[in-house]
Amino acid sequence: MVFPNDIGDIGRMEQANRLFFRLYQCANMLHKTGTKAVESEGLTTQQWAVLGALSRPDTQNGISMGDLARFLMVSRQNLSGLISRMERDGHVRSDPDGRDRRSRLVTMTDSGRRVWLEQAAPKIQRYYAQALDGFSNSDLTHTVHYLLKLLDNMKAIDAEQGGHGPADED
């Protein structure tokens, strides 16, 4: 580990520590308050993310477990357990991929789509409005820009470490 050796580096590291701690707190609060926002639909924030991913136009015919894990940046193992619970609840189904029988395609069921569109989405929109209170459109644009920049840097770190992050696990 490289330790800062001048006052400017120390200040930057203190700012970095504050930033990453705030990201950690935001992630925890998203899980806590986001789950409360959709719990009456029997959803968690993780299930919300899966349904959101499956609601995209390019996933209407299904998405492989591997691609879904990479998109959500979670391990296949964790995603598999989540998908099993969502299948049990009737929100998604997982079928063998016709092109590769070893792979499974995950799709949202009609029931899952109703839960997503009619029940969860309006609550999620209210949640977003509350969580983003006081943010201008410019604030949102800048925040997304900086988070994407941070994510790109973290992906580069993952690649340097051999790409054995959560989305690469079997």
N, C-alpha and C. Protein backbone atom coordinates (compact mmCIF):
# COMPACT_ATOMS: atom_id res chain seq x y z
N MET A 1 0.84 -1.17 0.00
CA MET A 1 0.00 0.00 0.00
C MET A 1 0.89 1.23 0.00
N VAL A 2 0.51 2.22 -0.77
CA VAL A 2 1.24 3.48 -0.83
C VAL A 2 0.64 4.42 0.20
N PHE A 3 1.51 4.97 1.05
CA PHE A 3 1.05 5.90 2.06
C PHE A 3 1.32 7.32 1.61
N PRO A 4 0.39 8.22 1.85
CA PRO A 4 0.60 9.62 1.45
C PRO A 4 1.80 10.21 2.18
N ASN A 5 2.56 11.04 1.47
CA ASN A 5 3.75 11.61 2.08
C ASN A 5 3.75 13.13 2.13
N ASP A 6 2.72 13.74 1.67
CA ASP A 6 2.65 15.18 1.87
C ASP A 6 1.23 15.58 2.25
N ILE A 7 1.09 16.80 2.69
CA ILE A 7 -0.19 17.26 3.23
C ILE A 7 -1.32 17.19 2.20
N GLY A 8 -0.99 17.42 0.94
CA GLY A 8 -2.01 17.33 -0.11
C GLY A 8 -2.53 15.92 -0.28
N ASP A 9 -1.62 14.95 -0.23
CA ASP A 9 -2.01 13.54 -0.33
C ASP A 9 -2.85 13.13 0.87
N ILE A 10 -2.47 13.62 2.06
CA ILE A 10 -3.22 13.28 3.27
C ILE A 10 -4.64 13.84 3.17
N GLY A 11 -4.76 15.07 2.72
CA GLY A 11 -6.09 15.67 2.54
C GLY A 11 -6.92 14.90 1.53
N ARG A 12 -6.30 14.48 0.45
CA ARG A 12 -7.02 13.70 -0.58
C ARG A 12 -7.47 12.36 -0.01
N MET A 13 -6.63 11.70 0.79
CA MET A 13 -7.00 10.42 1.38
C MET A 13 -8.13 10.60 2.39
N GLU A 14 -8.13 11.69 3.13
CA GLU A 14 -9.23 11.96 4.06
C GLU A 14 -10.53 12.16 3.30
N GLN A 15 -10.47 12.89 2.19
CA GLN A 15 -11.65 13.09 1.36
C GLN A 15 -12.12 11.77 0.76
N ALA A 16 -11.17 10.96 0.30
CA ALA A 16 -11.51 9.65 -0.28
C ALA A 16 -12.19 8.78 0.78
N ASN A 17 -11.67 8.80 1.99
CA ASN A 17 -12.27 8.02 3.06
C ASN A 17 -13.69 8.48 3.33
N ARG A 18 -13.91 9.78 3.36
CA ARG A 18 -15.26 10.32 3.57
C ARG A 18 -16.19 9.90 2.44
N LEU A 19 -15.71 9.99 1.19
CA LEU A 19 -16.52 9.63 0.03
C LEU A 19 -16.93 8.15 0.09
N PHE A 20 -15.96 7.26 0.30
CA PHE A 20 -16.29 5.84 0.29
C PHE A 20 -17.15 5.45 1.48
N PHE A 21 -16.96 6.11 2.62
CA PHE A 21 -17.82 5.83 3.76
C PHE A 21 -19.25 6.28 3.46
N ARG A 22 -19.42 7.43 2.80
CA ARG A 22 -20.77 7.91 2.43
C ARG A 22 -21.40 6.96 1.41
N LEU A 23 -20.62 6.44 0.49
CA LEU A 23 -21.17 5.46 -0.46
C LEU A 23 -21.64 4.22 0.28
N TYR A 24 -20.87 3.77 1.25
CA TYR A 24 -21.23 2.62 2.05
C TYR A 24 -22.54 2.89 2.79
N GLN A 25 -22.65 4.07 3.41
CA GLN A 25 -23.87 4.43 4.12
C GLN A 25 -25.06 4.50 3.17
N CYS A 26 -24.86 5.09 2.00
CA CYS A 26 -25.96 5.18 1.02
C CYS A 26 -26.42 3.80 0.58
N ALA A 27 -25.48 2.89 0.34
CA ALA A 27 -25.85 1.53 -0.06
C ALA A 27 -26.66 0.85 1.03
N ASN A 28 -26.24 1.02 2.27
CA ASN A 28 -26.98 0.42 3.38
C ASN A 28 -28.37 1.03 3.52
N MET A 29 -28.47 2.34 3.39
CA MET A 29 -29.78 2.99 3.49
C MET A 29 -30.68 2.64 2.30
N LEU A 30 -30.08 2.46 1.13
CA LEU A 30 -30.88 2.02 -0.02
C LEU A 30 -31.50 0.67 0.27
N HIS A 31 -30.72 -0.25 0.80
CA HIS A 31 -31.26 -1.58 1.11
C HIS A 31 -32.36 -1.48 2.18
N LYS A 32 -32.11 -0.68 3.20
CA LYS A 32 -33.08 -0.57 4.31
C LYS A 32 -34.35 0.14 3.87
N THR A 33 -34.23 1.34 3.35
CA THR A 33 -35.42 2.14 3.02
C THR A 33 -36.05 1.69 1.71
N GLY A 34 -35.23 1.22 0.77
CA GLY A 34 -35.76 0.73 -0.50
C GLY A 34 -36.60 -0.52 -0.30
N THR A 35 -36.11 -1.43 0.54
CA THR A 35 -36.88 -2.64 0.82
C THR A 35 -38.19 -2.29 1.49
N LYS A 36 -38.17 -1.33 2.42
CA LYS A 36 -39.42 -0.92 3.07
C LYS A 36 -40.41 -0.35 2.05
N ALA A 37 -39.89 0.31 1.02
CA ALA A 37 -40.76 0.92 0.00
C ALA A 37 -41.52 -0.14 -0.80
N VAL A 38 -40.94 -1.33 -0.97
CA VAL A 38 -41.57 -2.36 -1.82
C VAL A 38 -41.88 -3.65 -1.08
N GLU A 39 -41.75 -3.64 0.25
CA GLU A 39 -41.97 -4.88 1.00
C GLU A 39 -43.40 -5.38 0.94
N SER A 40 -44.38 -4.48 0.75
CA SER A 40 -45.77 -4.95 0.68
C SER A 40 -46.02 -5.76 -0.60
N GLU A 41 -45.12 -5.65 -1.57
CA GLU A 41 -45.21 -6.47 -2.79
C GLU A 41 -44.39 -7.75 -2.62
N GLY A 42 -43.80 -7.93 -1.45
CA GLY A 42 -42.98 -9.11 -1.19
C GLY A 42 -41.61 -9.02 -1.84
N LEU A 43 -41.14 -7.79 -2.10
CA LEU A 43 -39.87 -7.60 -2.78
C LEU A 43 -38.81 -7.03 -1.85
N THR A 44 -37.55 -7.29 -2.20
CA THR A 44 -36.40 -6.66 -1.58
C THR A 44 -35.73 -5.78 -2.63
N THR A 45 -34.74 -5.01 -2.22
CA THR A 45 -34.03 -4.18 -3.21
C THR A 45 -33.31 -5.06 -4.24
N GLN A 46 -32.85 -6.23 -3.83
CA GLN A 46 -32.19 -7.13 -4.77
C GLN A 46 -33.19 -7.63 -5.81
N GLN A 47 -34.40 -7.98 -5.37
CA GLN A 47 -35.44 -8.42 -6.31
C GLN A 47 -35.89 -7.27 -7.19
N TRP A 48 -35.96 -6.08 -6.62
CA TRP A 48 -36.28 -4.87 -7.38
C TRP A 48 -35.27 -4.71 -8.51
N ALA A 49 -33.98 -4.89 -8.21
CA ALA A 49 -32.94 -4.75 -9.23
C ALA A 49 -33.10 -5.80 -10.33
N VAL A 50 -33.42 -7.03 -9.95
CA VAL A 50 -33.62 -8.09 -10.95
C VAL A 50 -34.81 -7.76 -11.84
N LEU A 51 -35.93 -7.40 -11.24
CA LEU A 51 -37.11 -7.06 -12.05
C LEU A 51 -36.84 -5.85 -12.93
N GLY A 52 -36.12 -4.88 -12.40
CA GLY A 52 -35.76 -3.72 -13.21
C GLY A 52 -34.91 -4.11 -14.40
N ALA A 53 -33.93 -4.99 -14.17
CA ALA A 53 -33.08 -5.46 -15.26
C ALA A 53 -33.89 -6.24 -16.30
N LEU A 54 -34.83 -7.06 -15.81
CA LEU A 54 -35.64 -7.87 -16.73
C LEU A 54 -36.72 -7.06 -17.44
N SER A 55 -36.98 -5.85 -16.98
CA SER A 55 -38.00 -5.02 -17.63
C SER A 55 -37.44 -4.24 -18.81
N ARG A 56 -36.13 -4.29 -19.00
CA ARG A 56 -35.52 -3.56 -20.13
C ARG A 56 -35.91 -4.23 -21.45
N PRO A 57 -36.09 -3.43 -22.49
CA PRO A 57 -36.51 -3.99 -23.79
C PRO A 57 -35.59 -5.09 -24.32
N ASP A 58 -34.28 -4.99 -24.08
CA ASP A 58 -33.35 -5.99 -24.61
C ASP A 58 -33.36 -7.30 -23.85
N THR A 59 -34.15 -7.40 -22.78
CA THR A 59 -34.22 -8.66 -22.03
C THR A 59 -35.60 -9.29 -22.11
N GLN A 60 -36.44 -8.81 -22.98
CA GLN A 60 -37.81 -9.34 -23.08
C GLN A 60 -37.85 -10.82 -23.41
N ASN A 61 -36.86 -11.30 -24.14
CA ASN A 61 -36.81 -12.72 -24.49
C ASN A 61 -35.90 -13.50 -23.54
N GLY A 62 -35.53 -12.89 -22.46
CA GLY A 62 -34.69 -13.54 -21.46
C GLY A 62 -33.25 -13.06 -21.52
N ILE A 63 -32.55 -13.34 -20.43
CA ILE A 63 -31.14 -13.01 -20.32
C ILE A 63 -30.48 -14.16 -19.57
N SER A 64 -29.28 -14.51 -19.99
CA SER A 64 -28.60 -15.62 -19.33
C SER A 64 -28.25 -15.23 -17.90
N MET A 65 -28.13 -16.24 -17.05
CA MET A 65 -27.75 -16.00 -15.65
C MET A 65 -26.40 -15.28 -15.59
N GLY A 66 -25.46 -15.67 -16.42
CA GLY A 66 -24.15 -15.04 -16.43
C GLY A 66 -24.22 -13.57 -16.81
N ASP A 67 -24.99 -13.27 -17.88
CA ASP A 67 -25.13 -11.88 -18.30
C ASP A 67 -25.86 -11.05 -17.25
N LEU A 68 -26.88 -11.64 -16.63
CA LEU A 68 -27.61 -10.92 -15.58
C LEU A 68 -26.71 -10.67 -14.38
N ALA A 69 -25.90 -11.64 -14.01
CA ALA A 69 -24.96 -11.47 -12.89
C ALA A 69 -23.96 -10.36 -13.21
N ARG A 70 -23.44 -10.34 -14.43
CA ARG A 70 -22.50 -9.29 -14.83
C ARG A 70 -23.18 -7.92 -14.84
N PHE A 71 -24.41 -7.85 -15.34
CA PHE A 71 -25.13 -6.58 -15.38
C PHE A 71 -25.36 -6.03 -13.97
N LEU A 72 -25.76 -6.92 -13.06
CA LEU A 72 -26.04 -6.50 -11.69
C LEU A 72 -24.78 -6.45 -10.82
N MET A 73 -23.66 -6.98 -11.34
CA MET A 73 -22.39 -7.04 -10.63
C MET A 73 -22.50 -7.80 -9.32
N VAL A 74 -23.10 -9.00 -9.43
CA VAL A 74 -23.22 -9.91 -8.29
C VAL A 74 -22.66 -11.25 -8.71
N SER A 75 -22.41 -12.11 -7.74
CA SER A 75 -21.92 -13.44 -8.08
C SER A 75 -23.07 -14.28 -8.64
N ARG A 76 -22.72 -15.22 -9.48
CA ARG A 76 -23.73 -16.14 -10.01
C ARG A 76 -24.36 -16.95 -8.89
N GLN A 77 -23.55 -17.29 -7.91
CA GLN A 77 -24.05 -18.06 -6.77
C GLN A 77 -25.13 -17.29 -6.02
N ASN A 78 -24.86 -16.02 -5.71
CA ASN A 78 -25.87 -15.21 -5.02
C ASN A 78 -27.09 -14.99 -5.89
N LEU A 79 -26.87 -14.77 -7.19
CA LEU A 79 -27.99 -14.56 -8.11
C LEU A 79 -28.84 -15.81 -8.22
N SER A 80 -28.21 -16.96 -8.23
CA SER A 80 -28.95 -18.21 -8.35
C SER A 80 -29.94 -18.39 -7.20
N GLY A 81 -29.51 -18.12 -5.98
CA GLY A 81 -30.41 -18.21 -4.83
C GLY A 81 -31.54 -17.20 -4.92
N LEU A 82 -31.23 -16.00 -5.35
CA LEU A 82 -32.23 -14.94 -5.51
C LEU A 82 -33.26 -15.34 -6.57
N ILE A 83 -32.79 -15.84 -7.71
CA ILE A 83 -33.68 -16.25 -8.79
C ILE A 83 -34.56 -17.41 -8.33
N SER A 84 -34.01 -18.33 -7.58
CA SER A 84 -34.82 -19.45 -7.07
C SER A 84 -35.97 -18.94 -6.21
N ARG A 85 -35.70 -17.99 -5.33
CA ARG A 85 -36.76 -17.42 -4.49
C ARG A 85 -37.79 -16.67 -5.34
N MET A 86 -37.32 -15.97 -6.35
CA MET A 86 -38.24 -15.21 -7.21
C MET A 86 -39.07 -16.15 -8.08
N GLU A 87 -38.49 -17.29 -8.47
CA GLU A 87 -39.26 -18.31 -9.20
C GLU A 87 -40.35 -18.87 -8.30
N ARG A 88 -39.99 -19.18 -7.07
CA ARG A 88 -40.96 -19.70 -6.09
C ARG A 88 -42.13 -18.72 -5.92
N ASP A 89 -41.83 -17.42 -5.93
CA ASP A 89 -42.86 -16.40 -5.76
C ASP A 89 -43.61 -16.07 -7.05
N GLY A 90 -43.18 -16.67 -8.16
CA GLY A 90 -43.86 -16.49 -9.44
C GLY A 90 -43.49 -15.24 -10.21
N HIS A 91 -42.41 -14.57 -9.81
CA HIS A 91 -42.01 -13.32 -10.49
C HIS A 91 -41.17 -13.56 -11.74
N VAL A 92 -40.39 -14.62 -11.74
CA VAL A 92 -39.51 -14.92 -12.87
C VAL A 92 -39.55 -16.42 -13.15
N ARG A 93 -39.02 -16.77 -14.30
CA ARG A 93 -38.81 -18.18 -14.58
C ARG A 93 -37.44 -18.32 -15.23
N SER A 94 -36.89 -19.49 -15.05
CA SER A 94 -35.57 -19.80 -15.57
C SER A 94 -35.69 -21.07 -16.41
N ASP A 95 -35.36 -20.95 -17.68
CA ASP A 95 -35.48 -22.08 -18.61
C ASP A 95 -34.14 -22.34 -19.28
N PRO A 96 -33.91 -23.58 -19.71
CA PRO A 96 -32.68 -23.86 -20.47
C PRO A 96 -32.64 -23.00 -21.72
N ASP A 97 -31.46 -22.50 -22.03
CA ASP A 97 -31.24 -21.70 -23.24
C ASP A 97 -31.24 -22.66 -24.43
N GLY A 98 -32.10 -22.39 -25.41
CA GLY A 98 -32.19 -23.25 -26.60
C GLY A 98 -30.89 -23.34 -27.37
N ARG A 99 -30.04 -22.32 -27.25
CA ARG A 99 -28.77 -22.30 -27.98
C ARG A 99 -27.66 -23.00 -27.20
N ASP A 100 -27.79 -23.04 -25.88
CA ASP A 100 -26.76 -23.65 -25.03
C ASP A 100 -27.47 -24.25 -23.83
N ARG A 101 -27.70 -25.55 -23.85
CA ARG A 101 -28.48 -26.22 -22.82
C ARG A 101 -27.85 -26.11 -21.42
N ARG A 102 -26.54 -25.79 -21.35
CA ARG A 102 -25.89 -25.63 -20.05
C ARG A 102 -26.26 -24.29 -19.42
N SER A 103 -26.68 -23.36 -20.24
CA SER A 103 -27.02 -22.02 -19.77
C SER A 103 -28.52 -21.91 -19.53
N ARG A 104 -28.90 -21.04 -18.61
CA ARG A 104 -30.32 -20.82 -18.32
C ARG A 104 -30.67 -19.38 -18.64
N LEU A 105 -31.85 -19.20 -19.23
CA LEU A 105 -32.36 -17.86 -19.52
C LEU A 105 -33.39 -17.48 -18.47
N VAL A 106 -33.26 -16.29 -17.93
CA VAL A 106 -34.18 -15.79 -16.93
C VAL A 106 -35.10 -14.78 -17.60
N THR A 107 -36.42 -14.96 -17.39
CA THR A 107 -37.41 -14.02 -17.92
C THR A 107 -38.41 -13.67 -16.83
N MET A 108 -39.01 -12.50 -16.97
CA MET A 108 -40.04 -12.08 -16.04
C MET A 108 -41.36 -12.74 -16.47
N THR A 109 -42.09 -13.27 -15.51
CA THR A 109 -43.39 -13.87 -15.80
C THR A 109 -44.44 -12.76 -15.95
N ASP A 110 -45.61 -13.13 -16.46
CA ASP A 110 -46.71 -12.15 -16.54
C ASP A 110 -47.06 -11.64 -15.15
N SER A 111 -47.05 -12.52 -14.17
CA SER A 111 -47.33 -12.12 -12.79
C SER A 111 -46.26 -11.15 -12.29
N GLY A 112 -45.00 -11.46 -12.57
CA GLY A 112 -43.91 -10.58 -12.18
C GLY A 112 -44.01 -9.23 -12.84
N ARG A 113 -44.42 -9.22 -14.11
CA ARG A 113 -44.57 -7.95 -14.84
C ARG A 113 -45.68 -7.10 -14.22
N ARG A 114 -46.78 -7.75 -13.82
CA ARG A 114 -47.87 -7.01 -13.15
C ARG A 114 -47.39 -6.42 -11.83
N VAL A 115 -46.70 -7.23 -11.04
CA VAL A 115 -46.16 -6.74 -9.77
C VAL A 115 -45.23 -5.56 -10.03
N TRP A 116 -44.36 -5.71 -11.03
CA TRP A 116 -43.39 -4.66 -11.35
C TRP A 116 -44.08 -3.38 -11.81
N LEU A 117 -44.93 -3.49 -12.82
CA LEU A 117 -45.53 -2.31 -13.43
C LEU A 117 -46.63 -1.67 -12.58
N GLU A 118 -47.49 -2.48 -12.01
CA GLU A 118 -48.67 -1.94 -11.34
C GLU A 118 -48.46 -1.66 -9.85
N GLN A 119 -47.61 -2.43 -9.21
CA GLN A 119 -47.45 -2.29 -7.77
C GLN A 119 -46.11 -1.67 -7.37
N ALA A 120 -45.03 -2.23 -7.85
CA ALA A 120 -43.71 -1.77 -7.40
C ALA A 120 -43.28 -0.46 -8.05
N ALA A 121 -43.43 -0.33 -9.36
CA ALA A 121 -42.92 0.85 -10.06
C ALA A 121 -43.47 2.17 -9.50
N PRO A 122 -44.77 2.29 -9.22
CA PRO A 122 -45.24 3.56 -8.65
C PRO A 122 -44.60 3.87 -7.29
N LYS A 123 -44.38 2.84 -6.47
CA LYS A 123 -43.74 3.05 -5.17
C LYS A 123 -42.27 3.40 -5.34
N ILE A 124 -41.62 2.79 -6.30
CA ILE A 124 -40.21 3.09 -6.58
C ILE A 124 -40.08 4.53 -7.07
N GLN A 125 -41.00 4.96 -7.92
CA GLN A 125 -40.96 6.34 -8.39
C GLN A 125 -41.12 7.32 -7.23
N ARG A 126 -42.02 7.02 -6.29
CA ARG A 126 -42.17 7.88 -5.09
C ARG A 126 -40.90 7.86 -4.25
N TYR A 127 -40.30 6.68 -4.12
CA TYR A 127 -39.06 6.55 -3.38
C TYR A 127 -37.96 7.41 -4.01
N TYR A 128 -37.82 7.31 -5.34
CA TYR A 128 -36.82 8.12 -6.04
C TYR A 128 -37.07 9.61 -5.80
N ALA A 129 -38.33 10.03 -5.90
CA ALA A 129 -38.66 11.44 -5.71
C ALA A 129 -38.24 11.91 -4.32
N GLN A 130 -38.51 11.09 -3.31
CA GLN A 130 -38.13 11.45 -1.94
C GLN A 130 -36.61 11.44 -1.76
N ALA A 131 -35.96 10.40 -2.25
CA ALA A 131 -34.52 10.27 -2.07
C ALA A 131 -33.76 11.36 -2.82
N LEU A 132 -34.32 11.83 -3.92
CA LEU A 132 -33.64 12.84 -4.75
C LEU A 132 -34.18 14.25 -4.53
N ASP A 133 -34.93 14.42 -3.45
CA ASP A 133 -35.48 15.75 -3.13
C ASP A 133 -34.34 16.76 -3.05
N GLY A 134 -34.50 17.88 -3.73
CA GLY A 134 -33.48 18.93 -3.71
C GLY A 134 -32.41 18.77 -4.78
N PHE A 135 -32.45 17.67 -5.54
CA PHE A 135 -31.49 17.48 -6.63
C PHE A 135 -32.04 18.11 -7.90
N SER A 136 -31.26 18.94 -8.56
CA SER A 136 -31.65 19.48 -9.86
C SER A 136 -31.34 18.43 -10.94
N ASN A 137 -31.83 18.65 -12.14
CA ASN A 137 -31.49 17.75 -13.25
C ASN A 137 -29.98 17.75 -13.48
N SER A 138 -29.37 18.91 -13.32
CA SER A 138 -27.92 19.01 -13.47
C SER A 138 -27.21 18.20 -12.38
N ASP A 139 -27.71 18.28 -11.14
CA ASP A 139 -27.13 17.48 -10.05
C ASP A 139 -27.20 16.00 -10.39
N LEU A 140 -28.35 15.55 -10.91
CA LEU A 140 -28.51 14.13 -11.26
C LEU A 140 -27.53 13.73 -12.35
N THR A 141 -27.41 14.56 -13.37
CA THR A 141 -26.49 14.27 -14.48
C THR A 141 -25.06 14.16 -13.98
N HIS A 142 -24.65 15.12 -13.16
CA HIS A 142 -23.29 15.09 -12.63
C HIS A 142 -23.05 13.89 -11.71
N THR A 143 -24.03 13.57 -10.88
CA THR A 143 -23.89 12.44 -9.97
C THR A 143 -23.73 11.14 -10.76
N VAL A 144 -24.57 10.94 -11.76
CA VAL A 144 -24.45 9.74 -12.60
C VAL A 144 -23.09 9.71 -13.29
N HIS A 145 -22.65 10.85 -13.80
CA HIS A 145 -21.34 10.93 -14.47
C HIS A 145 -20.23 10.48 -13.53
N TYR A 146 -20.20 11.02 -12.33
CA TYR A 146 -19.13 10.70 -11.39
C TYR A 146 -19.22 9.26 -10.89
N LEU A 147 -20.43 8.75 -10.69
CA LEU A 147 -20.56 7.36 -10.26
C LEU A 147 -20.10 6.41 -11.37
N LEU A 148 -20.41 6.74 -12.62
CA LEU A 148 -19.94 5.91 -13.74
C LEU A 148 -18.41 5.95 -13.83
N LYS A 149 -17.84 7.12 -13.61
CA LYS A 149 -16.38 7.26 -13.62
C LYS A 149 -15.76 6.40 -12.51
N LEU A 150 -16.33 6.46 -11.33
CA LEU A 150 -15.87 5.66 -10.21
C LEU A 150 -16.02 4.17 -10.52
N LEU A 151 -17.16 3.79 -11.08
CA LEU A 151 -17.40 2.39 -11.43
C LEU A 151 -16.38 1.90 -12.46
N ASP A 152 -16.09 2.72 -13.46
CA ASP A 152 -15.07 2.33 -14.45
C ASP A 152 -13.72 2.09 -13.78
N ASN A 153 -13.35 2.96 -12.85
CA ASN A 153 -12.07 2.78 -12.15
C ASN A 153 -12.09 1.50 -11.31
N MET A 154 -13.21 1.21 -10.67
CA MET A 154 -13.31 -0.01 -9.87
C MET A 154 -13.26 -1.25 -10.77
N LYS A 155 -13.85 -1.18 -11.96
CA LYS A 155 -13.77 -2.29 -12.90
C LYS A 155 -12.33 -2.52 -13.34
N ALA A 156 -11.57 -1.43 -13.51
CA ALA A 156 -10.16 -1.55 -13.88
C ALA A 156 -9.38 -2.22 -12.75
N ILE A 157 -9.69 -1.86 -11.51
CA ILE A 157 -9.05 -2.51 -10.36
C ILE A 157 -9.38 -3.99 -10.37
N ASP A 158 -10.64 -4.33 -10.62
CA ASP A 158 -11.05 -5.73 -10.67
C ASP A 158 -10.27 -6.48 -11.74
N ALA A 159 -10.12 -5.86 -12.91
CA ALA A 159 -9.37 -6.51 -14.00
C ALA A 159 -7.91 -6.71 -13.62
N GLU A 160 -7.31 -5.71 -12.94
CA GLU A 160 -5.92 -5.83 -12.48
C GLU A 160 -5.78 -6.96 -11.47
N GLN A 161 -6.82 -7.19 -10.71
CA GLN A 161 -6.79 -8.23 -9.68
C GLN A 161 -7.14 -9.60 -10.25
N GLY A 162 -7.22 -9.68 -11.55
CA GLY A 162 -7.49 -10.96 -12.19
C GLY A 162 -8.95 -11.19 -12.52
N GLY A 163 -9.78 -10.19 -12.35
CA GLY A 163 -11.17 -10.31 -12.72
C GLY A 163 -11.94 -11.33 -11.91
N HIS A 164 -11.54 -11.53 -10.68
CA HIS A 164 -12.22 -12.52 -9.85
C HIS A 164 -13.17 -11.84 -8.87
N GLY A 165 -13.85 -10.81 -9.36
CA GLY A 165 -14.84 -10.13 -8.52
C GLY A 165 -16.14 -10.90 -8.52
N PRO A 166 -17.16 -10.36 -7.85
CA PRO A 166 -18.43 -11.06 -7.69
C PRO A 166 -19.05 -11.55 -8.99
N ALA A 167 -18.98 -10.76 -10.04
CA ALA A 167 -19.64 -11.16 -11.29
C ALA A 167 -18.87 -12.25 -12.03
N ASP A 168 -17.62 -12.51 -11.62
CA ASP A 168 -16.83 -13.52 -12.31
C ASP A 168 -16.83 -14.87 -11.63
N GLU A 169 -17.45 -14.95 -10.46
CA GLU A 169 -17.47 -16.22 -9.73
C GLU A 169 -18.41 -17.21 -10.41
N ASP A 170 -18.08 -18.47 -10.33
CA ASP A 170 -18.97 -19.51 -10.88
C ASP A 170 -19.81 -20.11 -9.81
